[in-house]
Protein backbone atom coordinates (compact mmCIF):
# COMPACT_ATOMS: atom_id res chain seq x y z
CA UNK A 1 -18.59 245.98 20.75
CA UNK A 2 -17.88 244.42 24.00
CA UNK A 3 -20.86 243.44 26.26
CA UNK A 4 -21.59 245.24 29.62
CA UNK A 5 -21.61 242.90 32.29
CA UNK A 6 -22.71 244.35 35.95
CA UNK A 7 -20.25 243.12 38.65
CA UNK A 8 -22.63 241.47 41.41
CA UNK A 9 -21.45 240.66 44.78
CA UNK A 10 -20.51 237.21 45.05
CA UNK A 11 -22.16 236.42 48.44
CA UNK A 12 -25.52 237.62 46.85
CA UNK A 13 -26.01 237.25 43.09
CA UNK A 14 -29.00 238.38 41.76
CA UNK A 15 -28.88 236.45 38.27
CA UNK A 16 -30.45 233.46 39.75
CA UNK A 17 -33.50 232.90 42.12
CA UNK A 18 -31.89 230.26 43.99
CA UNK A 19 -28.77 232.34 44.87
CA UNK A 20 -30.69 234.96 46.57
CA UNK A 21 -29.79 235.87 49.96
CA UNK A 22 -32.84 234.04 51.47
CA UNK A 23 -32.33 230.81 49.59
CA UNK A 24 -30.25 229.53 52.51
CA UNK A 25 -32.83 229.51 54.93
CA UNK A 26 -35.74 231.95 55.79
CA UNK A 27 -33.90 232.90 58.91
CA UNK A 28 -30.71 233.95 57.08
CA UNK A 29 -32.98 235.95 54.57
CA UNK A 30 -35.07 237.43 57.24
CA UNK A 31 -31.85 238.59 59.10
CA UNK A 32 -30.50 240.13 56.10
CA UNK A 33 -33.56 241.94 55.29
CA UNK A 34 -33.76 243.27 58.84
CA UNK A 35 -30.23 244.17 58.45
CA UNK A 36 -30.93 246.48 55.32
CA UNK A 37 -34.12 248.13 56.89
CA UNK A 38 -32.01 249.19 60.17
CA UNK A 39 -29.37 250.26 57.67
CA UNK A 40 -31.80 252.52 55.75
CA UNK A 41 -32.77 254.21 58.81
CA UNK A 42 -29.39 254.57 59.83
CA UNK A 43 -28.88 256.10 56.63
CA UNK A 44 -31.91 258.27 57.06
CA UNK A 45 -30.47 260.32 59.84
CA UNK A 46 -27.38 261.98 57.97
CA UNK A 47 -29.43 262.24 54.79
CA UNK A 48 -32.24 263.79 56.57
CA UNK A 49 -29.69 266.20 58.36
CA UNK A 50 -28.06 267.14 54.98
CA UNK A 51 -31.43 267.78 53.34
CA UNK A 52 -32.35 270.12 56.17
CA UNK A 53 -29.05 271.92 56.04
CA UNK A 54 -29.71 272.02 52.29
CA UNK A 55 -33.05 273.56 52.78
CA UNK A 56 -31.55 276.18 55.33
CA UNK A 57 -28.65 277.11 53.08
CA UNK A 58 -31.05 277.76 50.34
CA UNK A 59 -33.19 279.96 52.32
CA UNK A 60 -30.15 281.68 53.78
CA UNK A 61 -28.57 282.31 50.09
CA UNK A 62 -32.02 283.93 49.18
CA UNK A 63 -32.06 286.01 51.87
CA UNK A 64 -28.96 287.33 51.64
CA UNK A 65 -29.34 288.24 47.96
CA UNK A 66 -32.61 290.19 48.77
CA UNK A 67 -30.69 291.97 51.55
CA UNK A 68 -27.99 292.88 49.00
CA UNK A 69 -29.47 293.06 45.71
CA UNK A 70 -26.04 293.90 43.91
CA UNK A 71 -25.36 289.95 44.23
CA UNK A 72 -27.28 289.63 41.49
CA UNK A 73 -24.41 291.27 39.26
CA UNK A 74 -22.08 288.22 40.24
CA UNK A 75 -24.26 285.67 38.26
CA UNK A 76 -22.19 285.24 35.23
CA UNK A 77 -19.07 284.38 37.73
CA UNK A 78 -21.27 282.07 39.71
CA UNK A 79 -22.02 280.38 36.67
CA UNK A 80 -18.27 280.03 35.59
CA UNK A 81 -17.67 278.95 39.17
CA UNK A 82 -20.08 276.25 38.78
CA UNK A 83 -18.39 275.05 35.57
CA UNK A 84 -14.99 275.16 37.26
CA UNK A 85 -16.27 273.09 40.20
CA UNK A 86 -17.69 270.37 37.79
CA UNK A 87 -14.47 270.18 35.80
CA UNK A 88 -12.61 270.06 38.81
CA UNK A 89 -14.80 266.89 40.10
CA UNK A 90 -14.87 265.34 36.55
CA UNK A 91 -18.67 264.74 36.79
CA UNK A 92 -20.96 265.40 33.92
CA UNK A 93 -22.75 269.01 33.65
CA UNK A 94 -25.87 267.26 32.59
CA UNK A 95 -28.01 264.14 33.93
CA UNK A 96 -26.73 263.86 37.63
CA UNK A 97 -29.99 261.90 38.32
CA UNK A 98 -29.90 259.73 35.66
CA UNK A 99 -26.42 258.64 36.56
CA UNK A 100 -27.75 257.50 39.96
CA UNK A 101 -30.63 255.83 38.44
CA UNK A 102 -28.66 254.19 35.87
CA UNK A 103 -26.20 252.87 38.73
CA UNK A 104 -29.09 251.47 40.78
CA UNK A 105 -30.26 249.68 37.52
CA UNK A 106 -26.95 248.11 36.52
CA UNK A 107 -26.37 247.36 40.11
CA UNK A 108 -22.71 249.05 39.78
CA UNK A 109 -22.04 251.50 42.45
CA UNK A 110 -20.30 253.81 40.28
CA UNK A 111 -21.49 257.04 41.41
CA UNK A 112 -18.85 259.96 42.12
CA UNK A 113 -18.47 260.66 45.65
CA UNK A 114 -18.18 264.41 44.75
CA UNK A 115 -21.67 264.24 43.72
CA UNK A 116 -23.25 265.31 46.87
CA UNK A 117 -21.11 268.20 47.85
CA UNK A 118 -21.10 269.13 44.34
CA UNK A 119 -24.82 269.57 43.96
CA UNK A 120 -25.11 271.29 47.06
CA UNK A 121 -22.47 273.72 46.40
CA UNK A 122 -23.71 274.41 42.77
CA UNK A 123 -27.01 274.82 43.97
CA UNK A 124 -26.56 277.48 46.79
CA UNK A 125 -24.42 279.29 44.42
CA UNK A 126 -27.43 279.36 41.81
CA UNK A 127 -29.51 280.68 44.53
CA UNK A 128 -27.26 283.15 46.01
CA UNK A 129 -26.55 284.88 43.00
CA UNK A 130 -30.21 285.12 41.60
CA UNK A 131 -30.74 282.03 39.27
CA UNK A 132 -34.26 281.16 38.98
CA UNK A 133 -34.37 277.51 40.25
CA UNK A 134 -35.66 275.25 42.88
CA UNK A 135 -33.97 272.96 45.46
CA UNK A 136 -36.38 269.80 45.60
CA UNK A 137 -34.64 268.12 42.45
CA UNK A 138 -31.21 268.70 43.65
CA UNK A 139 -32.18 267.33 47.21
CA UNK A 140 -32.84 263.82 45.39
CA UNK A 141 -29.32 263.98 43.69
CA UNK A 142 -28.10 265.09 47.26
CA UNK A 143 -29.66 261.80 48.86
CA UNK A 144 -28.66 259.73 46.24
CA UNK A 145 -25.08 261.01 46.25
CA UNK A 146 -24.99 260.35 50.08
CA UNK A 147 -26.76 256.91 49.68
CA UNK A 148 -24.04 255.61 47.28
CA UNK A 149 -21.36 256.53 49.34
CA UNK A 150 -22.86 254.82 52.48
CA UNK A 151 -23.36 251.79 50.42
CA UNK A 152 -19.89 251.95 49.35
CA UNK A 153 -19.01 252.11 52.80
CA UNK A 154 -20.76 249.07 53.69
CA UNK A 155 -19.68 247.26 50.49
CA UNK A 156 -23.51 246.78 49.30
CA UNK A 157 -23.98 245.74 45.79
CA UNK A 158 -26.94 244.40 43.60
CA UNK A 159 -30.24 245.15 44.91
CA UNK A 160 -28.97 246.26 48.45
CA UNK A 161 -27.29 249.07 47.00
CA UNK A 162 -30.56 250.40 45.18
CA UNK A 163 -32.26 250.07 48.28
CA UNK A 164 -30.09 252.28 50.44
CA UNK A 165 -29.63 254.95 47.55
CA UNK A 166 -33.56 255.35 47.17
CA UNK A 167 -33.96 255.26 50.89
CA UNK A 168 -31.13 258.12 51.17
CA UNK A 169 -33.17 260.03 48.29
CA UNK A 170 -36.20 260.14 49.98
CA UNK A 171 -34.62 261.10 53.41
CA UNK A 172 -33.03 263.85 51.59
CA UNK A 173 -36.13 265.19 50.13
CA UNK A 174 -38.55 264.89 52.95
CA UNK A 175 -37.09 267.90 54.93
CA UNK A 176 -37.44 270.29 51.88
CA UNK A 177 -41.20 270.44 52.15
CA UNK A 178 -42.14 268.44 55.15
CA UNK A 179 -43.85 265.87 53.24
CA UNK A 180 -42.44 262.23 54.19
CA UNK A 181 -45.26 260.42 52.25
CA UNK A 182 -44.49 262.41 49.08
CA UNK A 183 -41.02 261.90 49.21
CA UNK A 184 -41.46 258.11 49.28
CA UNK A 185 -43.84 258.12 46.59
CA UNK A 186 -41.73 260.68 44.42
CA UNK A 187 -38.59 258.81 44.56
CA UNK A 188 -39.86 255.86 43.06
CA UNK A 189 -42.43 257.76 40.42
CA UNK A 190 -39.60 260.15 39.41
CA UNK A 191 -37.03 257.17 38.94
CA UNK A 192 -39.64 254.93 37.02
CA UNK A 193 -39.34 252.19 39.57
CA UNK A 194 -42.02 249.55 39.83
CA UNK A 195 -40.79 247.58 42.84
CA UNK A 196 -43.34 248.32 45.46
CA UNK A 197 -41.45 246.30 48.22
CA UNK A 198 -39.15 249.30 48.18
CA UNK A 199 -41.98 251.56 49.38
CA UNK A 200 -42.01 250.50 53.07
CA UNK A 201 -38.26 251.20 53.54
CA UNK A 202 -38.37 254.53 51.67
CA UNK A 203 -41.42 255.53 53.84
CA UNK A 204 -39.89 254.74 57.01
CA UNK A 205 -36.57 256.28 56.12
CA UNK A 206 -38.50 259.82 55.01
CA UNK A 207 -40.24 259.55 58.42
CA UNK A 208 -37.28 259.26 60.17
CA UNK A 209 -35.79 262.23 58.18
CA UNK A 210 -38.95 264.26 58.66
CA UNK A 211 -38.67 263.53 62.53
CA UNK A 212 -35.09 264.99 62.33
CA UNK A 213 -36.99 268.29 60.35
CA UNK A 214 -39.23 268.52 63.17
CA UNK A 215 -36.48 268.44 65.92
CA UNK A 216 -34.47 271.09 64.16
CA UNK A 217 -37.47 273.39 64.30
CA UNK A 218 -38.05 273.50 60.69
CA UNK A 219 -41.68 274.06 59.87
CA UNK A 220 -43.51 272.06 57.05
CA UNK A 221 -44.62 273.60 54.01
CA UNK A 222 -48.37 273.94 54.51
CA UNK A 223 -51.63 276.14 53.28
CA UNK A 224 -54.93 276.01 54.58
CA UNK A 225 -57.67 275.89 52.28
CA UNK A 226 -60.68 277.33 53.88
CA UNK A 227 -63.24 277.58 50.71
CA UNK A 228 -63.88 274.22 49.09
CA UNK A 229 -66.61 274.48 46.72
CA UNK A 230 -69.36 271.98 46.46
CA UNK A 231 -69.80 269.46 43.80
CA UNK A 232 -71.67 270.78 40.63
CA UNK A 233 -71.47 270.25 36.99
CA UNK A 234 -70.72 273.68 36.42
CA UNK A 235 -67.77 273.70 39.04
CA UNK A 236 -66.87 270.57 37.61
CA UNK A 237 -66.23 272.19 34.14
CA UNK A 238 -64.52 275.29 35.52
CA UNK A 239 -61.77 272.92 37.42
CA UNK A 240 -61.32 270.71 34.12
CA UNK A 241 -60.67 274.06 32.28
CA UNK A 242 -58.47 275.27 34.75
CA UNK A 243 -56.75 271.93 34.85
CA UNK A 244 -56.39 272.58 30.88
CA UNK A 245 -54.64 275.84 31.04
CA UNK A 246 -52.37 274.58 33.68
CA UNK A 247 -51.42 271.44 31.86
CA UNK A 248 -50.50 273.71 28.72
CA UNK A 249 -48.43 276.15 30.70
CA UNK A 250 -46.49 273.02 32.07
CA UNK A 251 -45.96 271.14 28.94
CA UNK A 252 -44.78 274.62 27.42
CA UNK A 253 -42.48 274.86 30.65
CA UNK A 254 -41.05 271.45 29.92
CA UNK A 255 -40.56 271.78 26.33
CA UNK A 256 -38.66 275.46 26.83
CA UNK A 257 -36.23 273.98 29.26
CA UNK A 258 -35.47 271.05 26.91
CA UNK A 259 -35.08 273.46 23.73
CA UNK A 260 -32.68 275.91 25.64
CA UNK A 261 -30.87 272.99 27.02
CA UNK A 262 -30.61 271.52 23.91
CA UNK A 263 -29.54 274.64 21.84
CA UNK A 264 -26.95 275.54 24.59
CA UNK A 265 -25.28 272.24 24.31
CA UNK A 266 -25.13 272.65 20.63
CA UNK A 267 -24.06 276.03 19.99
CA UNK A 268 -22.23 276.86 23.27
CA UNK A 269 -20.27 273.46 24.04
CA UNK A 270 -17.59 275.02 26.27
CA UNK A 271 -19.25 274.90 29.84
CA UNK A 272 -17.35 277.95 30.88
CA UNK A 273 -18.58 280.10 28.05
CA UNK A 274 -22.04 278.94 28.24
CA UNK A 275 -22.27 279.69 32.06
CA UNK A 276 -20.77 282.93 31.75
CA UNK A 277 -22.81 284.44 28.77
CA UNK A 278 -26.14 282.61 30.12
CA UNK A 279 -25.50 284.46 33.31
CA UNK A 280 -25.17 287.64 31.68
CA UNK A 281 -28.35 286.89 29.50
CA UNK A 282 -30.19 286.42 32.85
CA UNK A 283 -29.08 289.58 34.03
CA UNK A 284 -29.97 291.15 31.31
CA UNK A 285 -33.50 290.08 31.49
CA UNK A 286 -33.65 291.23 34.99
CA UNK A 287 -32.70 294.63 33.94
CA UNK A 288 -35.37 294.58 31.07
CA UNK A 289 -38.19 293.49 33.56
CA UNK A 290 -36.97 295.80 36.11
CA UNK A 291 -37.37 293.48 39.00
CA UNK A 292 -35.79 290.39 40.86
CA UNK A 293 -39.02 288.91 41.71
CA UNK A 294 -38.25 285.96 39.21
CA UNK A 295 -34.79 285.17 40.85
CA UNK A 296 -34.25 282.33 43.20
CA UNK A 297 -37.05 279.69 44.21
CA UNK A 298 -39.89 282.60 44.00
CA UNK A 299 -41.39 281.57 47.58
CA UNK A 300 -42.62 285.24 48.09
CA UNK A 301 -44.43 284.90 44.67
CA UNK A 302 -46.12 281.61 45.96
CA UNK A 303 -47.45 283.21 49.09
CA UNK A 304 -48.75 286.17 47.34
CA UNK A 305 -50.74 283.91 44.84
CA UNK A 306 -52.43 282.28 47.82
CA UNK A 307 -53.46 285.90 48.92
CA UNK A 308 -54.90 286.63 45.59
CA UNK A 309 -52.39 289.26 44.42
CA UNK A 310 -50.38 287.63 41.82
CA UNK A 311 -49.18 289.60 38.80
CA UNK A 312 -50.89 288.78 35.46
CA UNK A 313 -47.87 287.69 33.64
CA UNK A 314 -45.91 286.29 36.51
CA UNK A 315 -46.36 282.82 35.40
CA UNK A 316 -44.74 283.74 31.92
CA UNK A 317 -41.67 285.19 33.29
CA UNK A 318 -41.05 282.48 36.00
CA UNK A 319 -41.27 279.85 32.89
CA UNK A 320 -39.00 282.21 30.98
CA UNK A 321 -36.42 282.79 33.71
CA UNK A 322 -36.28 279.22 34.95
CA UNK A 323 -36.09 277.77 31.45
CA UNK A 324 -33.06 280.02 30.77
CA UNK A 325 -31.27 279.25 34.04
CA UNK A 326 -31.55 275.47 34.01
CA UNK A 327 -31.26 275.19 30.38
CA UNK A 328 -27.88 277.07 30.72
CA UNK A 329 -26.79 274.79 33.58
CA UNK A 330 -27.53 276.41 36.87
CA UNK A 331 -28.66 273.85 39.57
CA UNK A 332 -31.53 273.45 41.72
CA UNK A 333 -34.52 271.79 40.13
CA UNK A 334 -37.49 272.99 38.54
CA UNK A 335 -40.10 272.01 41.24
CA UNK A 336 -40.67 275.17 43.12
CA UNK A 337 -40.47 277.24 40.08
CA UNK A 338 -43.38 275.08 38.91
CA UNK A 339 -45.16 275.87 42.24
CA UNK A 340 -44.82 279.36 41.50
CA UNK A 341 -46.17 278.94 37.84
CA UNK A 342 -48.73 277.04 39.01
CA UNK A 343 -50.06 278.96 41.74
CA UNK A 344 -49.87 282.44 40.04
CA UNK A 345 -51.45 281.07 37.10
CA UNK A 346 -54.37 279.73 39.20
CA UNK A 347 -54.59 282.74 40.94
CA UNK A 348 -54.91 284.95 37.60
CA UNK A 349 -57.55 282.40 36.07
CA UNK A 350 -59.55 282.27 39.27
CA UNK A 351 -61.62 285.53 38.75
CA UNK A 352 -62.28 284.74 35.28
CA UNK A 353 -63.66 281.16 36.25
CA UNK A 354 -65.44 282.05 39.26
CA UNK A 355 -62.80 280.24 41.72
CA UNK A 356 -61.64 281.20 44.98
CA UNK A 357 -58.17 282.48 44.60
CA UNK A 358 -56.41 280.08 47.04
CA UNK A 359 -58.17 276.97 45.82
CA UNK A 360 -57.27 277.67 42.28
CA UNK A 361 -53.61 278.40 43.19
CA UNK A 362 -53.63 275.02 45.03
CA UNK A 363 -55.18 273.16 41.94
CA UNK A 364 -52.70 275.12 39.59
CA UNK A 365 -49.77 273.74 41.94
CA UNK A 366 -50.58 270.36 41.83
CA UNK A 367 -51.07 270.00 38.07
CA UNK A 368 -48.14 272.01 37.28
CA UNK A 369 -46.15 269.66 39.59
CA UNK A 370 -47.78 266.83 37.59
CA UNK A 371 -47.13 268.04 34.41
CA UNK A 372 -43.53 269.13 34.63
CA UNK A 373 -42.14 266.36 36.70
CA UNK A 374 -44.54 263.73 35.10
CA UNK A 375 -45.56 262.34 38.56
CA UNK A 376 -49.52 262.34 38.92
CA UNK A 377 -49.75 260.13 41.83
CA UNK A 378 -46.84 261.93 43.74
CA UNK A 379 -48.94 265.38 42.91
CA UNK A 380 -52.23 263.89 44.47
CA UNK A 381 -50.45 263.05 47.47
CA UNK A 382 -48.52 266.16 47.65
CA UNK A 383 -51.90 268.00 47.52
CA UNK A 384 -53.21 266.00 50.65
CA UNK A 385 -50.09 266.49 52.69
CA UNK A 386 -49.11 270.31 51.86
CA UNK A 387 -53.21 271.73 51.81
CA UNK A 388 -54.93 271.39 55.05
CA UNK A 389 -58.44 270.82 54.56
CA UNK A 390 -57.76 269.40 51.09
CA UNK A 391 -59.24 265.99 52.17
CA UNK A 392 -62.56 267.63 52.12
CA UNK A 393 -62.01 268.56 48.48
CA UNK A 394 -59.89 265.41 47.30
CA UNK A 395 -62.37 264.66 44.54
CA UNK A 396 -61.52 268.03 42.83
CA UNK A 397 -57.66 267.47 42.98
CA UNK A 398 -58.47 263.93 41.62
CA UNK A 399 -60.39 265.30 39.05
CA UNK A 400 -57.91 267.92 37.81
CA UNK A 401 -55.20 265.18 37.82
CA UNK A 402 -57.49 262.55 35.77
CA UNK A 403 -58.25 265.81 33.46
CA UNK A 404 -54.40 265.77 32.47
CA UNK A 405 -53.74 262.12 33.07
CA UNK A 406 -54.87 261.19 29.22
CA UNK A 407 -52.78 264.06 27.41
CA UNK A 408 -49.74 262.94 29.62
CA UNK A 409 -49.92 259.26 28.61
CA UNK A 410 -50.29 260.46 24.81
CA UNK A 411 -47.32 262.62 25.45
CA UNK A 412 -45.22 259.83 26.88
CA UNK A 413 -46.42 257.41 24.02
CA UNK A 414 -44.74 259.74 21.54
CA UNK A 415 -41.31 259.75 23.36
């Protein structure tokens, strides 16, 4: 078998320490790093605009579907259209984020130029016709595709290529929730990148993108927690118990998405047939439930949970709808659906555990996010940015994350 040798830019080879860009002198190295930093800020503007436009497009698609409920009947046709777009672009229907991460690690800028417009179009189509998907996962792919294209235009390779791609990913994610710090940490934790030197440029880029978002008038995703319980042994037990239930739900969510995806690829290898039949299956499920509450991102369900009015089995149905939609191949991501599951489950369990509904919903959101995407550090920072007043109750969020950290590590070791 022929060995794979990554192509490295001849001016900046990375295989030998003496040949790095700063080896010719500290002034040259400093100038090169300064150029990359300025370039990352430059890329943050179009990537931030793309993320903001993506957010607006998803909101528009959901509002249009709510105005015209009959659009749900076109979900099978929308699935076939997505499969057709992927076939036309010659992009794999699975693992788009893995393609970007592998390109960064191999230092080969081989990301398709069609990836960014493709994931944008497929996600908006999914939301428009009622697939139960999110949008934050797709925003990472959107930013990664744009970053790879910018790196290609500036002829960047090696570590320079990876830096620009990660900065663009953070810039595209920041406008979705209005959380620049979360965006910078999430990109590195989600891609399992341990190079902390990338954190500063990613944070700077996400702050620029967040500035673009506020300039456009998009409000950040924020909730105010008015009742933070005082510390006690009894309350500690309640919070740990709630975290345990949410971890179990998140683990079931992850497993169900993987199982549906595996079964679909095994028994329905034809993408057109899989998307068409899968869309019809989701449509039948909507008719069975008699409601479209579990279609789309589910922001209304999240808001209802913070008001203490979530349905008793809303979290289960959202898991089922989202696992089916993403497993079949509709696009968008699982983060907002995980928010839905966490908030509704927390709201339902709050009276049983003697907790405030909004506080339990906030804990549920944080734990579900950490469990579904395996990013506990990002989940804690997300809680600080999203929940106003959560700083006073930081210990409770930290306790909830620590309560599920051990089983998460055990699950990771078993892989």
